[in-house]
Amino acid sequence: MQNQFLSAIEQICEEKGISKDMVIEAIQAAIIAAYKKDFGDKEQEVRVELNPDSGEPTIFVTKEVVESVEDGLIQISIADAKKLKKASVLGDMIEFKEDNKEFGRVAAQTAKQVIVQRIREAERDVVFSEFSGKEGLIINAIVQRFESGNVFIDLGKATGVMFPSDQIPNEKYYPAQKIKVFVVRVEQTNRGPQIVVSRTHPDMVRRLFELEVPEIANGSVEIAGIAREAGARTKIAVKSNVPGVDPVGTFVGGRGTRVQAVMGELGEEKIDIIAFSDDPKEYITNALSPTKVISVKLDKENKKAVVKVPEDQLSLAIGKSGQNVRLAAKLTEWNIDIDGADEAGVESTAKEIVPEPKPTRTVDLEDAIIAASNEKTEVKEDKTSAEATEVKTESEKSIKEVVEKEEALEDSEDK
């Protein structure tokens, strides 16, 4: 009996992850419920001590000392009380040991239900305590099943739920898939703790970078702000707390390994890393990267910024469906209006980017000389041809005059 009792308790503790004391308390509560079911009353005060080695229960019942007993379940006469305790007086509450009873089938079933319920509650408390401390963290999980658009995640000792709004658009999930999830909140409900997880939360990007960038842990660099549209694009502002440390390069990593690792975990979501600045103009300019900004005018009272950019970069500044400027506004917490530059602004911008003259290649020079020579030859040939034509015309004219003179002479002789 002793070995079986202890073995059963240890097995329950191991399977449910609860302490031995919790299991013993559940068994004691079950025996009290069974006793009240068969031999007592709900109003009775009953206590049970359980031998931890043998599992043998000892039942103690408390009754009030009265002159005349009206309810034998909760009252005891002064005479009977003095037999148990000589110093008893009217109004005392006396606890005495009850003989062990043989419980009936209904009482035994009640005890079983109480044990199951108490162990379940203890298990829920353990799960709640464990995961409430993991709020705001990333944990490894496995996709379990799908139901009404929700994805249920196996977290080991518990099951989490990922609502449609917490799922990355166009990301496919399948059973037994291993993924990383962000624990948003843990709530205690009537059905046990509800653990809400997400893959769209902005802080998930923060936690992923903390895993990839060890400099965050020692305080050399930090993330100053995050603006995210899950599955499409994220902008993060970073800054350095140590002189000489490049925050952007630290987060990008050698050949982009660090930022690519984070992007790979988020389904190739694009991530823009910009330098944080205490100067709002500089911060807004950085946030609109890679757009070239001409000027920034601030309305501090309404926290509004008018940003002027070159006409040819207007669409780049706004982004697809306004995504770039929207994320920049969310990141900087300024309402940003984009304005295209006028002609003067475009010219001034163009002057700043004057292309350097390209050196003339040898081959190009030779080609130019040959072409010029050909043109000169063609002109000379044309000139010679014109002169020959003119000489021919003069010759033809002289012959015609001689013929006309001879004909006139012949005519005069005939006359």
Protein backbone atom coordinates (compact mmCIF):
# COMPACT_ATOMS: atom_id res chain seq x y z
CA MET A 1 0.00 0.00 0.00
CA GLN A 2 2.79 2.37 0.93
CA ASN A 3 4.72 1.82 -2.30
CA GLN A 4 1.61 2.08 -4.46
CA PHE A 5 0.48 5.29 -2.77
CA LEU A 6 3.83 7.03 -3.09
CA SER A 7 4.31 5.75 -6.64
CA ALA A 8 0.93 7.12 -7.70
CA ILE A 9 1.67 10.55 -6.22
CA GLU A 10 5.10 10.73 -7.86
CA GLN A 11 3.66 9.74 -11.22
CA ILE A 12 1.00 12.44 -11.03
CA CYS A 13 3.59 15.04 -10.05
CA GLU A 14 5.83 14.09 -12.96
CA GLU A 15 3.08 14.04 -15.59
CA LYS A 16 1.36 17.25 -14.50
CA GLY A 17 4.40 19.18 -13.40
CA ILE A 18 2.97 19.99 -9.98
CA SER A 19 4.37 19.58 -6.48
CA LYS A 20 3.77 16.67 -4.10
CA ASP A 21 2.10 18.99 -1.57
CA MET A 22 -0.50 20.01 -4.15
CA VAL A 23 -1.40 16.37 -4.82
CA ILE A 24 -1.71 15.58 -1.10
CA GLU A 25 -3.92 18.65 -0.60
CA ALA A 26 -6.13 17.44 -3.45
CA ILE A 27 -6.48 13.99 -1.83
CA GLN A 28 -7.32 15.55 1.54
CA ALA A 29 -10.00 17.72 -0.05
CA ALA A 30 -11.44 14.65 -1.78
CA ILE A 31 -11.71 12.71 1.51
CA ILE A 32 -13.42 15.67 3.18
CA ALA A 33 -15.95 15.87 0.35
CA ALA A 34 -16.60 12.12 0.55
CA TYR A 35 -17.11 12.24 4.32
CA LYS A 36 -19.59 15.09 4.09
CA LYS A 37 -21.40 13.25 1.32
CA ASP A 38 -22.00 10.06 3.33
CA PHE A 39 -21.76 10.99 7.03
CA GLY A 40 -21.85 14.72 7.48
CA ASP A 41 -23.19 18.03 6.32
CA LYS A 42 -21.94 20.80 4.11
CA GLU A 43 -21.78 23.12 7.10
CA GLN A 44 -19.53 20.80 9.05
CA GLU A 45 -15.96 21.71 9.80
CA VAL A 46 -13.89 18.69 8.82
CA ARG A 47 -10.13 18.33 8.66
CA VAL A 48 -8.10 15.41 7.26
CA GLU A 49 -4.52 14.44 7.95
CA LEU A 50 -2.92 12.11 5.46
CA ASN A 51 -0.03 9.86 6.37
CA PRO A 52 2.52 10.62 3.62
CA ASP A 53 4.04 7.15 3.87
CA SER A 54 1.04 4.84 4.12
CA GLY A 55 -1.62 7.10 2.69
CA GLU A 56 -3.88 6.35 5.68
CA PRO A 57 -6.28 9.28 6.33
CA THR A 58 -7.28 10.55 9.79
CA ILE A 59 -10.53 12.54 9.96
CA PHE A 60 -11.12 15.28 12.53
CA VAL A 61 -14.54 16.86 13.09
CA THR A 62 -15.18 20.13 14.96
CA LYS A 63 -18.41 20.67 16.92
CA GLU A 64 -19.83 23.39 19.14
CA VAL A 65 -20.41 22.67 22.86
CA VAL A 66 -24.07 23.34 23.75
CA GLU A 67 -26.41 22.67 26.64
CA SER A 68 -28.98 20.88 24.52
CA VAL A 69 -28.06 19.31 21.17
CA GLU A 70 -30.34 20.28 18.29
CA ASP A 71 -28.08 19.24 15.39
CA GLY A 72 -25.77 16.35 16.18
CA LEU A 73 -23.64 16.97 13.10
CA ILE A 74 -22.36 20.34 14.25
CA GLN A 75 -23.14 20.32 17.99
CA ILE A 76 -22.07 18.29 21.03
CA SER A 77 -23.47 18.28 24.57
CA ILE A 78 -21.47 19.67 27.45
CA ALA A 79 -21.40 16.25 29.07
CA ASP A 80 -19.93 14.53 26.02
CA ALA A 81 -17.52 17.40 25.52
CA LYS A 82 -16.13 17.01 29.06
CA LYS A 83 -15.38 13.37 28.29
CA LEU A 84 -13.15 14.53 25.47
CA LYS A 85 -11.81 17.61 27.23
CA LYS A 86 -12.46 18.20 30.91
CA ALA A 87 -12.02 21.98 30.67
CA SER A 88 -14.78 22.31 28.09
CA VAL A 89 -17.37 25.04 28.61
CA LEU A 90 -20.45 26.12 26.73
CA GLY A 91 -19.65 27.74 23.40
CA ASP A 92 -16.30 26.03 22.92
CA MET A 93 -15.39 24.46 19.58
CA ILE A 94 -14.03 20.97 20.15
CA GLU A 95 -12.20 18.94 17.54
CA PHE A 96 -12.26 15.21 17.93
CA LYS A 97 -11.07 12.27 15.93
CA GLU A 98 -13.67 10.47 13.88
CA ASP A 99 -13.51 6.78 13.28
CA ASN A 100 -12.50 5.93 9.72
CA LYS A 101 -15.52 5.23 7.61
CA GLU A 102 -16.14 3.04 4.66
CA PHE A 103 -17.27 5.31 1.91
CA GLY A 104 -19.96 4.31 -0.55
CA ARG A 105 -19.77 4.34 -4.31
CA VAL A 106 -21.23 7.83 -4.67
CA ALA A 107 -18.83 9.26 -2.12
CA ALA A 108 -15.91 7.57 -3.83
CA GLN A 109 -16.96 9.03 -7.18
CA THR A 110 -17.22 12.45 -5.57
CA ALA A 111 -13.71 12.05 -4.16
CA LYS A 112 -12.41 11.13 -7.58
CA GLN A 113 -13.96 14.20 -9.19
CA VAL A 114 -12.52 16.44 -6.49
CA ILE A 115 -9.03 15.00 -6.97
CA VAL A 116 -9.18 15.45 -10.76
CA GLN A 117 -10.52 19.00 -10.41
CA ARG A 118 -7.94 20.05 -7.83
CA ILE A 119 -5.05 18.59 -9.84
CA ARG A 120 -6.32 20.31 -12.97
CA GLU A 121 -6.51 23.63 -11.16
CA ALA A 122 -3.02 23.13 -9.77
CA GLU A 123 -1.75 22.32 -13.25
CA ARG A 124 -3.35 25.47 -14.65
CA ASP A 125 -1.77 27.57 -11.91
CA VAL A 126 1.64 26.12 -12.72
CA VAL A 127 1.22 26.81 -16.44
CA PHE A 128 -0.02 30.34 -15.77
CA SER A 129 2.89 31.09 -13.45
CA GLU A 130 5.41 29.71 -15.93
CA PHE A 131 4.18 31.49 -19.06
CA SER A 132 3.18 34.77 -17.41
CA GLY A 133 6.90 35.23 -16.85
CA LYS A 134 7.50 34.76 -20.59
CA GLU A 135 5.32 37.63 -21.78
CA GLY A 136 7.26 39.74 -24.25
CA LEU A 137 9.68 36.94 -25.14
CA ILE A 138 10.20 34.71 -28.18
CA ILE A 139 9.85 30.96 -27.72
CA ASN A 140 10.18 28.00 -30.06
CA ALA A 141 6.92 26.26 -30.82
CA ILE A 142 5.25 23.74 -33.11
CA VAL A 143 2.09 24.29 -35.14
CA GLN A 144 -0.57 21.95 -33.77
CA ARG A 145 -3.88 22.50 -35.57
CA PHE A 146 -6.16 25.03 -37.28
CA GLU A 147 -9.61 26.09 -36.15
CA SER A 148 -11.84 28.94 -37.45
CA GLY A 149 -8.86 30.78 -38.87
CA ASN A 150 -6.91 30.50 -35.62
CA VAL A 151 -3.63 28.60 -35.41
CA PHE A 152 -3.08 26.59 -32.23
CA ILE A 153 0.54 26.30 -31.18
CA ASP A 154 2.11 23.55 -29.06
CA LEU A 155 4.24 25.27 -26.42
CA GLY A 156 5.19 22.11 -24.54
CA LYS A 157 3.18 22.16 -21.32
CA ALA A 158 0.51 24.38 -22.80
CA THR A 159 -1.21 25.33 -26.03
CA GLY A 160 -1.10 28.85 -27.39
CA VAL A 161 -3.40 30.50 -29.89
CA MET A 162 -2.41 32.75 -32.79
CA PHE A 163 -5.36 34.78 -34.04
CA PRO A 164 -5.63 35.86 -37.72
CA SER A 165 -4.46 39.39 -36.85
CA ASP A 166 -1.29 37.90 -35.35
CA GLN A 167 -0.46 35.85 -38.46
CA ILE A 168 1.87 37.23 -41.14
CA PRO A 169 -0.10 37.78 -44.39
CA ASN A 170 0.62 35.20 -47.11
CA GLU A 171 2.62 33.07 -44.64
CA LYS A 172 1.59 29.41 -44.80
CA TYR A 173 1.38 27.23 -41.69
CA TYR A 174 1.15 23.46 -41.56
CA PRO A 175 0.97 20.87 -38.74
CA ALA A 176 4.29 19.94 -37.08
CA GLN A 177 5.92 23.10 -38.49
CA LYS A 178 8.58 24.55 -36.19
CA ILE A 179 8.32 28.31 -35.79
CA LYS A 180 9.28 31.10 -33.42
CA VAL A 181 6.42 33.02 -31.80
CA PHE A 182 6.19 36.10 -29.61
CA VAL A 183 4.21 35.72 -26.36
CA VAL A 184 1.83 38.69 -26.30
CA ARG A 185 -0.13 37.99 -23.12
CA VAL A 186 -1.20 35.21 -20.74
CA GLU A 187 -4.75 35.35 -19.34
CA GLN A 188 -6.39 33.20 -16.70
CA THR A 189 -9.84 32.02 -17.83
CA ASN A 190 -12.43 29.55 -16.60
CA ARG A 191 -11.03 27.00 -19.02
CA GLY A 192 -7.49 27.56 -17.90
CA PRO A 193 -4.74 29.96 -18.99
CA GLN A 194 -5.03 31.38 -22.50
CA ILE A 195 -1.66 32.13 -24.09
CA VAL A 196 -1.86 34.53 -27.02
CA VAL A 197 1.12 34.42 -29.38
CA SER A 198 1.96 36.49 -32.43
CA ARG A 199 4.31 36.75 -35.41
CA THR A 200 3.24 40.28 -36.39
CA HIS A 201 4.04 42.12 -33.16
CA PRO A 202 6.71 44.86 -33.64
CA ASP A 203 8.61 43.66 -30.57
CA MET A 204 9.20 40.32 -32.28
CA VAL A 205 11.68 42.12 -34.55
CA ARG A 206 13.34 43.58 -31.45
CA ARG A 207 13.73 40.15 -29.82
CA LEU A 208 15.07 38.57 -33.01
CA PHE A 209 17.75 41.23 -33.26
CA GLU A 210 18.63 40.65 -29.61
CA LEU A 211 19.35 37.04 -30.53
CA GLU A 212 21.56 38.08 -33.47
CA VAL A 213 23.30 41.19 -32.08
CA PRO A 214 25.24 40.48 -28.86
CA GLU A 215 26.16 44.18 -28.58
CA ILE A 216 22.58 44.88 -27.47
CA ALA A 217 23.07 42.80 -24.32
CA ASN A 218 26.16 44.75 -23.21
CA GLY A 219 24.51 48.09 -23.96
CA SER A 220 26.81 49.20 -26.77
CA VAL A 221 23.88 49.69 -29.15
CA GLU A 222 20.12 49.74 -28.78
CA ILE A 223 16.92 49.91 -30.79
CA ALA A 224 15.31 53.33 -30.37
CA GLY A 225 12.12 52.66 -32.33
CA ILE A 226 10.30 50.18 -34.55
CA ALA A 227 7.61 50.67 -37.19
CA ARG A 228 6.37 47.51 -38.81
CA GLU A 229 3.91 46.33 -41.43
CA ALA A 230 4.25 42.59 -41.00
CA GLY A 231 5.11 40.59 -44.08
CA ALA A 232 6.02 43.67 -46.11
CA ARG A 233 8.46 46.09 -44.53
CA THR A 234 9.90 47.23 -41.21
CA LYS A 235 11.88 50.32 -40.27
CA ILE A 236 14.00 50.31 -37.10
CA ALA A 237 15.94 53.21 -35.65
CA VAL A 238 19.18 52.30 -33.88
CA LYS A 239 21.69 54.27 -31.89
CA SER A 240 25.08 53.74 -30.28
CA ASN A 241 25.91 54.33 -26.62
CA VAL A 242 29.65 53.94 -27.14
CA PRO A 243 31.73 56.45 -29.14
CA GLY A 244 33.16 55.02 -32.34
CA VAL A 245 30.59 52.24 -32.69
CA ASP A 246 28.54 52.32 -35.91
CA PRO A 247 25.03 51.26 -34.88
CA VAL A 248 23.75 50.65 -38.42
CA GLY A 249 26.75 48.52 -39.37
CA THR A 250 26.47 46.59 -36.11
CA PHE A 251 22.89 45.59 -36.84
CA VAL A 252 23.54 44.84 -40.50
CA GLY A 253 26.52 42.61 -39.71
CA GLY A 254 29.30 41.43 -41.96
CA ARG A 255 27.92 41.12 -45.50
CA GLY A 256 24.45 41.62 -44.04
CA THR A 257 24.43 38.30 -42.16
CA ARG A 258 22.64 39.59 -39.07
CA VAL A 259 19.82 41.44 -40.78
CA GLN A 260 19.40 38.61 -43.30
CA ALA A 261 18.98 36.10 -40.47
CA VAL A 262 16.14 38.19 -39.03
CA MET A 263 14.55 38.66 -42.46
CA GLY A 264 14.73 34.91 -43.07
CA GLU A 265 12.82 34.25 -39.86
CA LEU A 266 10.10 36.70 -40.92
CA GLY A 267 9.58 35.33 -44.42
CA GLU A 268 11.99 37.68 -46.21
CA GLU A 269 10.26 40.77 -44.82
CA LYS A 270 12.27 43.86 -45.85
CA ILE A 271 14.01 45.66 -42.98
CA ASP A 272 15.37 49.22 -43.21
CA ILE A 273 17.91 50.08 -40.51
CA ILE A 274 18.39 53.81 -39.96
CA ALA A 275 20.40 55.91 -37.53
CA PHE A 276 18.45 57.54 -34.71
CA SER A 277 18.98 61.27 -34.10
CA ASP A 278 17.79 63.70 -31.45
CA ASP A 279 17.42 66.29 -34.21
CA PRO A 280 13.90 65.83 -35.67
CA LYS A 281 14.97 67.06 -39.12
CA GLU A 282 17.85 64.65 -39.34
CA TYR A 283 15.74 61.83 -37.90
CA ILE A 284 12.97 62.39 -40.46
CA THR A 285 15.54 62.58 -43.26
CA ASN A 286 17.04 59.27 -42.16
CA ALA A 287 13.61 57.68 -41.80
CA LEU A 288 12.74 58.48 -45.43
CA SER A 289 15.89 56.74 -46.66
CA PRO A 290 16.83 55.98 -49.42
CA THR A 291 15.07 59.13 -50.65
CA LYS A 292 17.21 62.27 -51.09
CA VAL A 293 15.64 65.05 -49.02
CA ILE A 294 16.11 68.71 -50.04
CA SER A 295 14.57 70.36 -46.99
CA VAL A 296 12.45 69.68 -43.91
CA LYS A 297 10.12 72.30 -42.37
CA LEU A 298 8.76 71.55 -38.90
CA ASP A 299 5.54 72.68 -37.26
CA LYS A 300 6.36 71.74 -33.67
CA GLU A 301 3.02 72.87 -32.30
CA ASN A 302 1.10 70.40 -34.46
CA LYS A 303 4.08 68.05 -34.74
CA LYS A 304 3.88 68.18 -38.50
CA ALA A 305 6.76 68.07 -40.98
CA VAL A 306 6.74 69.18 -44.62
CA VAL A 307 9.49 67.38 -46.52
CA LYS A 308 10.61 68.57 -49.95
CA VAL A 309 12.18 66.03 -52.29
CA PRO A 310 13.21 66.10 -55.98
CA GLU A 311 10.38 65.48 -58.41
CA ASP A 312 12.03 62.35 -59.76
CA GLN A 313 12.15 60.87 -56.22
CA LEU A 314 8.63 61.77 -55.19
CA SER A 315 7.24 58.28 -55.77
CA LEU A 316 10.23 56.75 -53.97
CA ALA A 317 9.66 58.95 -50.92
CA ILE A 318 5.98 58.05 -50.74
CA GLY A 319 6.54 54.37 -51.45
CA LYS A 320 4.15 51.73 -52.73
CA SER A 321 0.66 52.61 -51.49
CA GLY A 322 2.27 55.22 -49.24
CA GLN A 323 4.16 52.59 -47.27
CA ASN A 324 7.52 54.40 -46.99
CA VAL A 325 6.17 57.69 -45.68
CA ARG A 326 3.64 55.90 -43.47
CA LEU A 327 6.33 53.84 -41.74
CA ALA A 328 8.57 56.91 -41.42
CA ALA A 329 5.75 58.84 -39.75
CA LYS A 330 5.06 55.97 -37.37
CA LEU A 331 8.74 55.61 -36.52
CA THR A 332 9.47 59.30 -35.90
CA GLU A 333 6.02 60.06 -34.44
CA TRP A 334 5.74 63.09 -36.75
CA ASN A 335 2.98 63.69 -39.29
CA ILE A 336 4.95 63.85 -42.56
CA ASP A 337 3.79 65.53 -45.79
CA ILE A 338 5.86 64.96 -48.95
CA ASP A 339 6.17 67.83 -51.41
CA GLY A 340 7.89 67.74 -54.81
CA ALA A 341 10.60 70.37 -55.46
CA ASP A 342 10.00 73.24 -57.90
CA GLU A 343 12.22 73.88 -60.96
CA ALA A 344 14.71 75.89 -58.92
CA GLY A 345 14.91 73.13 -56.41
CA VAL A 346 15.45 70.57 -59.14
CA GLU A 347 18.19 72.68 -60.73
CA SER A 348 19.95 73.25 -57.43
CA THR A 349 19.80 69.57 -56.75
CA ALA A 350 21.11 68.79 -60.23
CA LYS A 351 24.02 71.20 -59.73
CA GLU A 352 25.02 69.30 -56.64
CA ILE A 353 25.30 66.14 -58.70
CA VAL A 354 27.25 67.28 -61.79
CA PRO A 355 28.63 64.25 -63.61
CA GLU A 356 32.38 64.27 -64.17
CA PRO A 357 33.44 64.52 -67.89
CA LYS A 358 34.44 61.20 -69.26
CA PRO A 359 37.99 60.98 -70.77
CA THR A 360 38.10 60.55 -74.58
CA ARG A 361 39.21 57.11 -75.52
CA THR A 362 42.01 56.60 -78.11
CA VAL A 363 39.74 54.58 -80.34
CA ASP A 364 37.14 57.36 -80.34
CA LEU A 365 39.82 59.95 -81.28
CA GLU A 366 41.06 57.88 -84.20
CA ASP A 367 37.51 57.41 -85.47
CA ALA A 368 36.95 61.17 -85.32
CA ILE A 369 40.11 61.90 -87.36
CA ILE A 370 39.17 59.34 -90.04
CA ALA A 371 35.66 60.76 -90.31
CA ALA A 372 36.97 64.33 -90.65
CA SER A 373 39.40 63.19 -93.38
CA ASN A 374 36.60 61.48 -95.30
CA GLU A 375 34.47 64.61 -95.13
CA LYS A 376 37.38 66.72 -96.47
CA THR A 377 37.96 64.27 -99.34
CA GLU A 378 34.29 64.30 -100.26
CA VAL A 379 34.28 68.11 -100.32
CA LYS A 380 37.39 68.18 -102.55
CA GLU A 381 35.93 65.65 -104.94
CA ASP A 382 32.72 67.62 -105.14
CA LYS A 383 34.72 70.80 -105.87
CA THR A 384 36.77 69.10 -108.68
CA SER A 385 33.62 67.73 -110.25
CA ALA A 386 32.06 71.18 -110.28
CA GLU A 387 35.13 72.75 -111.89
CA ALA A 388 35.19 70.06 -114.64
CA THR A 389 31.57 70.67 -115.40
CA GLU A 390 32.24 74.40 -115.70
CA VAL A 391 35.19 73.86 -118.14
CA LYS A 392 33.08 71.52 -120.24
CA THR A 393 30.34 74.08 -120.48
CA GLU A 394 32.77 76.83 -121.62
CA SER A 395 34.26 74.52 -124.28
CA GLU A 396 30.84 73.63 -125.64
CA LYS A 397 30.01 77.36 -125.78
CA SER A 398 33.17 78.20 -127.85
CA ILE A 399 32.53 75.44 -130.42
CA LYS A 400 28.98 76.66 -130.89
CA GLU A 401 30.18 80.20 -131.62
CA VAL A 402 32.71 78.98 -134.30
CA VAL A 403 30.01 76.91 -136.06
CA GLU A 404 27.65 79.88 -136.13
CA LYS A 405 30.38 82.12 -137.71
CA GLU A 406 31.13 79.57 -140.48
CA GLU A 407 27.46 79.20 -141.37
CA ALA A 408 27.10 82.99 -141.65
CA LEU A 409 30.15 83.20 -143.98
CA GLU A 410 28.75 80.52 -146.31
CA ASP A 411 25.44 82.28 -146.56
CA SER A 412 27.16 85.55 -147.64
CA GLU A 413 29.18 83.83 -150.39
CA ASP A 414 26.07 82.26 -151.89
CA LYS A 415 24.47 85.62 -152.20
